[in-house]
Amino acid sequence: MEIFRVLAADPGVTTGVAVIEYVQESYGYSFWQIDCRNLRAWDDFLRGVNPDVILYEDFKHRPNLMKAELYSMQVIGVTRLYAERRNIEIPFTPIPSEAKAFWTDDKIKKLGLWRTGKNYEHAMDALRVYLTYKMKTDPFWFALMVDKLKD
């Protein structure tokens, strides 16, 4: 069976990651937070996951978070270079407010995907990036999720 991997990231000093694996009709979800003060660790992580598609939350200038944002830009740069060298698609880079607009904590909890604790805070933001991408590109999947949210 062939596995198709999507990596979604919330870049920063602590980069949140959600990796979604598709095998036939089933989905598997894994979550991490990577300390990206050492950018080689991020590059090594990308190589280890070997994603087929990469999504990430885009950088937007926020003066009150300048230090974190500079790391975000660096992580995005490493991510883009990694993808370019391997011809990996980056089809979706929402701004933070777009990823959080529909996929609230409560909705993610209702889907059974929520992870608690400080070690998952940024990973849940990465998951929002993936869920927003699926919502915008797969109407059938989104209809199924809306039905689950109604229960």
C-alpha atoms as a PDB file:
ATOM      1  CA  MET A   1       0.000   0.000   0.000  1.00  0.00           C
ATOM      2  CA  GLU A   2       1.263   3.438  -0.902  1.00  0.00           C
ATOM      3  CA  ILE A   3       1.248   6.109   1.802  1.00  0.00           C
ATOM      4  CA  PHE A   4       0.586   9.732   0.867  1.00  0.00           C
ATOM      5  CA  ARG A   5       1.880  12.246   3.457  1.00  0.00           C
ATOM      6  CA  VAL A   6       0.822  15.826   3.997  1.00  0.00           C
ATOM      7  CA  LEU A   7       2.885  17.918   6.381  1.00  0.00           C
ATOM      8  CA  ALA A   8       1.235  21.022   7.835  1.00  0.00           C
ATOM      9  CA  ALA A   9       3.334  23.443   9.869  1.00  0.00           C
ATOM     10  CA  ASP A  10       2.934  26.415  12.176  1.00  0.00           C
ATOM     11  CA  PRO A  11       6.454  27.875  11.795  1.00  0.00           C
ATOM     12  CA  GLY A  12       8.271  29.620  14.601  1.00  0.00           C
ATOM     13  CA  VAL A  13      10.892  29.146  17.290  1.00  0.00           C
ATOM     14  CA  THR A  14       8.740  26.213  18.269  1.00  0.00           C
ATOM     15  CA  THR A  15       7.290  24.882  15.044  1.00  0.00           C
ATOM     16  CA  GLY A  16       4.073  22.937  15.337  1.00  0.00           C
ATOM     17  CA  VAL A  17       3.649  20.038  12.949  1.00  0.00           C
ATOM     18  CA  ALA A  18       0.751  17.840  11.915  1.00  0.00           C
ATOM     19  CA  VAL A  19       1.500  14.953   9.571  1.00  0.00           C
ATOM     20  CA  ILE A  20      -1.470  13.343   7.921  1.00  0.00           C
ATOM     21  CA  GLU A  21      -0.987  10.006   6.207  1.00  0.00           C
ATOM     22  CA  TYR A  22      -3.500   8.605   3.746  1.00  0.00           C
ATOM     23  CA  VAL A  23      -3.568   4.886   3.113  1.00  0.00           C
ATOM     24  CA  GLN A  24      -6.446   3.990   0.810  1.00  0.00           C
ATOM     25  CA  GLU A  25      -9.481   5.471   2.591  1.00  0.00           C
ATOM     26  CA  SER A  26      -8.019   5.904   6.087  1.00  0.00           C
ATOM     27  CA  TYR A  27      -6.269   8.856   7.677  1.00  0.00           C
ATOM     28  CA  GLY A  28      -3.539   8.764  10.317  1.00  0.00           C
ATOM     29  CA  TYR A  29      -2.564  11.851  12.298  1.00  0.00           C
ATOM     30  CA  SER A  30       0.726  12.540  14.100  1.00  0.00           C
ATOM     31  CA  PHE A  31       1.698  15.698  15.948  1.00  0.00           C
ATOM     32  CA  TRP A  32       5.016  17.247  16.997  1.00  0.00           C
ATOM     33  CA  GLN A  33       6.605  20.446  18.146  1.00  0.00           C
ATOM     34  CA  ILE A  34      10.130  21.037  16.866  1.00  0.00           C
ATOM     35  CA  ASP A  35      12.621  23.470  18.406  1.00  0.00           C
ATOM     36  CA  CYS A  36      13.744  25.376  15.316  1.00  0.00           C
ATOM     37  CA  ARG A  37      16.442  27.537  16.878  1.00  0.00           C
ATOM     38  CA  ASN A  38      18.666  25.022  15.101  1.00  0.00           C
ATOM     39  CA  LEU A  39      17.337  25.075  11.532  1.00  0.00           C
ATOM     40  CA  ARG A  40      19.183  21.866  10.688  1.00  0.00           C
ATOM     41  CA  ALA A  41      16.834  20.069  13.097  1.00  0.00           C
ATOM     42  CA  TRP A  42      13.907  21.301  10.998  1.00  0.00           C
ATOM     43  CA  ASP A  43      15.551  20.245   7.745  1.00  0.00           C
ATOM     44  CA  ASP A  44      16.363  16.828   9.250  1.00  0.00           C
ATOM     45  CA  PHE A  45      12.750  16.495  10.385  1.00  0.00           C
ATOM     46  CA  LEU A  46      11.474  17.270   6.871  1.00  0.00           C
ATOM     47  CA  ARG A  47      13.822  14.676   5.418  1.00  0.00           C
ATOM     48  CA  GLY A  48      12.647  12.092   7.944  1.00  0.00           C
ATOM     49  CA  VAL A  49       8.968  12.671   7.241  1.00  0.00           C
ATOM     50  CA  ASN A  50       9.483  12.901   3.476  1.00  0.00           C
ATOM     51  CA  PRO A  51       6.118  14.574   2.749  1.00  0.00           C
ATOM     52  CA  ASP A  52       4.346  14.529  -0.596  1.00  0.00           C
ATOM     53  CA  VAL A  53       2.709  17.917   0.055  1.00  0.00           C
ATOM     54  CA  ILE A  54       3.619  20.712   2.463  1.00  0.00           C
ATOM     55  CA  LEU A  55       1.276  23.326   3.911  1.00  0.00           C
ATOM     56  CA  TYR A  56       2.281  26.057   6.336  1.00  0.00           C
ATOM     57  CA  GLU A  57       0.868  29.080   8.082  1.00  0.00           C
ATOM     58  CA  ASP A  58       2.225  32.121   6.286  1.00  0.00           C
ATOM     59  CA  PHE A  59       4.265  34.899   7.838  1.00  0.00           C
ATOM     60  CA  LYS A  60       2.581  38.190   8.589  1.00  0.00           C
ATOM     61  CA  HIS A  61       4.457  41.053  10.212  1.00  0.00           C
ATOM     62  CA  ARG A  62       3.407  41.629  13.830  1.00  0.00           C
ATOM     63  CA  PRO A  63       5.741  44.088  15.588  1.00  0.00           C
ATOM     64  CA  ASN A  64       4.897  42.760  19.058  1.00  0.00           C
ATOM     65  CA  LEU A  65       6.233  39.304  18.098  1.00  0.00           C
ATOM     66  CA  MET A  66       9.290  40.326  16.090  1.00  0.00           C
ATOM     67  CA  LYS A  67      11.655  37.676  17.489  1.00  0.00           C
ATOM     68  CA  ALA A  68       9.218  34.814  16.867  1.00  0.00           C
ATOM     69  CA  GLU A  69       8.381  36.144  13.422  1.00  0.00           C
ATOM     70  CA  LEU A  70      11.998  36.227  12.343  1.00  0.00           C
ATOM     71  CA  TYR A  71      12.256  32.564  13.222  1.00  0.00           C
ATOM     72  CA  SER A  72       9.038  31.961  11.312  1.00  0.00           C
ATOM     73  CA  MET A  73      10.585  33.467   8.193  1.00  0.00           C
ATOM     74  CA  GLN A  74      13.690  31.323   8.571  1.00  0.00           C
ATOM     75  CA  VAL A  75      11.660  28.137   9.036  1.00  0.00           C
ATOM     76  CA  ILE A  76       9.554  29.038   6.000  1.00  0.00           C
ATOM     77  CA  GLY A  77      12.735  29.617   3.988  1.00  0.00           C
ATOM     78  CA  VAL A  78      14.133  26.196   4.901  1.00  0.00           C
ATOM     79  CA  THR A  79      10.748  24.642   4.122  1.00  0.00           C
ATOM     80  CA  ARG A  80      10.502  26.286   0.717  1.00  0.00           C
ATOM     81  CA  LEU A  81      14.062  25.332  -0.203  1.00  0.00           C
ATOM     82  CA  TYR A  82      13.428  21.734   0.890  1.00  0.00           C
ATOM     83  CA  ALA A  83      10.248  21.618  -1.232  1.00  0.00           C
ATOM     84  CA  GLU A  84      11.879  23.232  -4.248  1.00  0.00           C
ATOM     85  CA  ARG A  85      14.806  20.813  -4.231  1.00  0.00           C
ATOM     86  CA  ARG A  86      12.441  17.830  -4.127  1.00  0.00           C
ATOM     87  CA  ASN A  87       9.742  19.240  -6.391  1.00  0.00           C
ATOM     88  CA  ILE A  88       7.170  19.062  -3.579  1.00  0.00           C
ATOM     89  CA  GLU A  89       4.021  21.128  -3.908  1.00  0.00           C
ATOM     90  CA  ILE A  90       3.156  23.850  -1.370  1.00  0.00           C
ATOM     91  CA  PRO A  91      -0.438  24.563  -2.429  1.00  0.00           C
ATOM     92  CA  PHE A  92      -1.704  26.428   0.634  1.00  0.00           C
ATOM     93  CA  THR A  93      -0.231  29.010   3.014  1.00  0.00           C
ATOM     94  CA  PRO A  94      -3.047  30.691   4.949  1.00  0.00           C
ATOM     95  CA  ILE A  95      -2.575  33.608   7.289  1.00  0.00           C
ATOM     96  CA  PRO A  96      -3.083  32.789  10.991  1.00  0.00           C
ATOM     97  CA  SER A  97      -6.583  34.271  11.211  1.00  0.00           C
ATOM     98  CA  GLU A  98      -7.761  32.253   8.197  1.00  0.00           C
ATOM     99  CA  ALA A  99      -6.688  28.945   9.737  1.00  0.00           C
ATOM    100  CA  LYS A 100      -8.386  29.789  13.041  1.00  0.00           C
ATOM    101  CA  ALA A 101     -11.585  31.259  11.601  1.00  0.00           C
ATOM    102  CA  PHE A 102     -13.602  28.041  11.263  1.00  0.00           C
ATOM    103  CA  TRP A 103     -11.546  25.390  13.069  1.00  0.00           C
ATOM    104  CA  THR A 104     -12.015  26.311  16.696  1.00  0.00           C
ATOM    105  CA  ASP A 105     -10.640  24.244  19.563  1.00  0.00           C
ATOM    106  CA  ASP A 106     -14.139  22.895  20.236  1.00  0.00           C
ATOM    107  CA  LYS A 107     -14.581  21.698  16.643  1.00  0.00           C
ATOM    108  CA  ILE A 108     -11.222  19.952  16.645  1.00  0.00           C
ATOM    109  CA  LYS A 109     -12.128  18.315  19.970  1.00  0.00           C
ATOM    110  CA  LYS A 110     -15.456  17.167  18.525  1.00  0.00           C
ATOM    111  CA  LEU A 111     -13.579  15.441  15.682  1.00  0.00           C
ATOM    112  CA  GLY A 112     -11.433  13.633  18.258  1.00  0.00           C
ATOM    113  CA  LEU A 113      -8.184  15.160  16.971  1.00  0.00           C
ATOM    114  CA  TRP A 114      -7.415  17.523  19.855  1.00  0.00           C
ATOM    115  CA  ARG A 115      -4.255  16.941  21.887  1.00  0.00           C
ATOM    116  CA  THR A 116      -3.884  18.643  25.227  1.00  0.00           C
ATOM    117  CA  GLY A 117      -0.857  20.111  26.897  1.00  0.00           C
ATOM    118  CA  LYS A 118       1.809  22.659  26.183  1.00  0.00           C
ATOM    119  CA  ASN A 119       3.644  20.167  23.956  1.00  0.00           C
ATOM    120  CA  TYR A 120       0.780  20.293  21.440  1.00  0.00           C
ATOM    121  CA  GLU A 121      -0.197  23.986  21.372  1.00  0.00           C
ATOM    122  CA  HIS A 122       1.583  24.806  18.095  1.00  0.00           C
ATOM    123  CA  ALA A 123       0.839  21.369  16.637  1.00  0.00           C
ATOM    124  CA  MET A 124      -2.885  22.112  16.947  1.00  0.00           C
ATOM    125  CA  ASP A 125      -2.336  25.325  14.976  1.00  0.00           C
ATOM    126  CA  ALA A 126      -0.595  23.252  12.289  1.00  0.00           C
ATOM    127  CA  LEU A 127      -3.597  20.928  12.265  1.00  0.00           C
ATOM    128  CA  ARG A 128      -5.859  23.949  11.667  1.00  0.00           C
ATOM    129  CA  VAL A 129      -3.797  24.735   8.548  1.00  0.00           C
ATOM    130  CA  TYR A 130      -4.442  21.222   7.229  1.00  0.00           C
ATOM    131  CA  LEU A 131      -8.152  21.269   8.124  1.00  0.00           C
ATOM    132  CA  THR A 132      -8.605  24.645   6.422  1.00  0.00           C
ATOM    133  CA  TYR A 133      -6.849  23.343   3.302  1.00  0.00           C
ATOM    134  CA  LYS A 134      -9.101  20.257   3.189  1.00  0.00           C
ATOM    135  CA  MET A 135     -12.176  22.419   3.788  1.00  0.00           C
ATOM    136  CA  LYS A 136     -11.304  24.603   0.795  1.00  0.00           C
ATOM    137  CA  THR A 137     -10.234  21.827  -1.591  1.00  0.00           C
ATOM    138  CA  ASP A 138     -12.355  18.758  -0.808  1.00  0.00           C
ATOM    139  CA  PRO A 139     -16.103  19.502  -0.560  1.00  0.00           C
ATOM    140  CA  PHE A 140     -17.011  15.839   0.011  1.00  0.00           C
ATOM    141  CA  TRP A 141     -14.585  15.545   2.946  1.00  0.00           C
ATOM    142  CA  PHE A 142     -15.813  18.857   4.368  1.00  0.00           C
ATOM    143  CA  ALA A 143     -19.451  17.726   4.183  1.00  0.00           C
ATOM    144  CA  LEU A 144     -18.502  14.604   6.162  1.00  0.00           C
ATOM    145  CA  MET A 145     -16.757  16.742   8.783  1.00  0.00           C
ATOM    146  CA  VAL A 146     -19.747  19.074   9.100  1.00  0.00           C
ATOM    147  CA  ASP A 147     -21.972  16.025   9.673  1.00  0.00           C
ATOM    148  CA  LYS A 148     -19.607  14.859  12.447  1.00  0.00           C
ATOM    149  CA  LEU A 149     -19.737  18.316  14.022  1.00  0.00           C
ATOM    150  CA  LYS A 150     -23.547  18.181  14.116  1.00  0.00           C
ATOM    151  CA  ASP A 151     -23.653  15.020  16.233  1.00  0.00           C
END
